[in-house]
Amino acid sequence: MKNKTTARNMEKTKDKAGAATVSLGAVDIGSNAVRLLIASRVKTPEGIRLQKSLFLRVPLRLGEDVFLKGKVGEKRRGNLLHVMNAFRHLLRAYEVPIFRVCATAAMREAENSREIVAFIKKEAGMKIEVLDGMDEARIICESHVADSLDPSLRYIYVDVGGGSTELSLLHGKKIQISRSFNIGTLRMLANRVDPLEWQRLDEWLQKLRTDPKPLEIIGSGGNINKLYRMSKIGDGRKLTVSKLRGIYEKTRKLSIGERMERLGMRPDRADVIIPAAELFLRIASVAGVRRLNVPSIGLVDGIVHQLSQS
């Protein structure tokens, strides 16, 4: 469902090549950060393509409130309003007629979720859709990632967030099944992951090993992309599990301050990078995977792709 702000007709413009274009926007209100993606849907003789115009990330960390206190606090509620107002102005400045605003794990669990949604709608004029875990997993897989996959292999698409992890099994370029688990980097840092949730994750992954077809991981999210860049492999976007484990062992020995100073990490990345690596390594170990593919995609990419198809 599109934001009511998008009810007016899409206005088409012409780029320098004369192709018809439409601007699209996506906002992801995650447990760790809030993201904005603006992209152009360009119609060319070769077909439709998406061209990114703007990407912004604000480390709001709603999950730190929700996973410890059960709700979004007053300070972060106010900060969310500031962010949403800023994004609204940017969407207008970029003349984006169609956009969608989605929230994930933290807002799913917050006791005052409905109150926050109503508050943002009234004060910023932005309608927030709170996605359930399954919808989130499916949207993430809408980013055209399957187009470049080997059809003879099976893939586990893994998106690690602050509050939840979404997994989808892909084979033959199609989603076979999706699951969402309440395991995320902020939960792990706060020691707020239910042991039964770890058990459910392991059992789901173990079932995938009963099929003899080879299995690889597609990793999504800022943490796995940072870990990939730390590998200094190049542009192949592939990372072996053994290489990931080596990076993890070296990084976890550093303090948060040392990760920021030596590795150039932002403060909001320096603490969650370790639980993220541990989660990817656990998934790979239980599923019997030896290699990860790391395309630079996420929920906002999936949202924009969905909008481009409508």
Foldseek 3Di string as FASTA:
>chain_A
DWAPLLPDDFDWDQDPVRWTKAKEKEWEAEQFKIKIWIWIFTQDPVGTDIGTDDIDIGGLRQNVCCLVPNARDPVSLVVVLVVLLVVVVVCVVVVHSTYAYEYEDSLVRRPCNVVSQVVSCVRRVTHYHYDYQQVLLVLQLQLCPLVPDDQQAKEWEWEAGAQKIKTFIDHNSDTPDIDIARDHLVCVVVVNHDPVSVVVLLVVLLVLQVDPGHYEYEYEDDLVVLLVVVLVPPDPQKDWLVSLVVSLVVLVVDDLVCCCVVVVDDSSRSRSNNVVSVVVSVSCVSNVHTMYGYDHGHSRSSRRSVVSVD
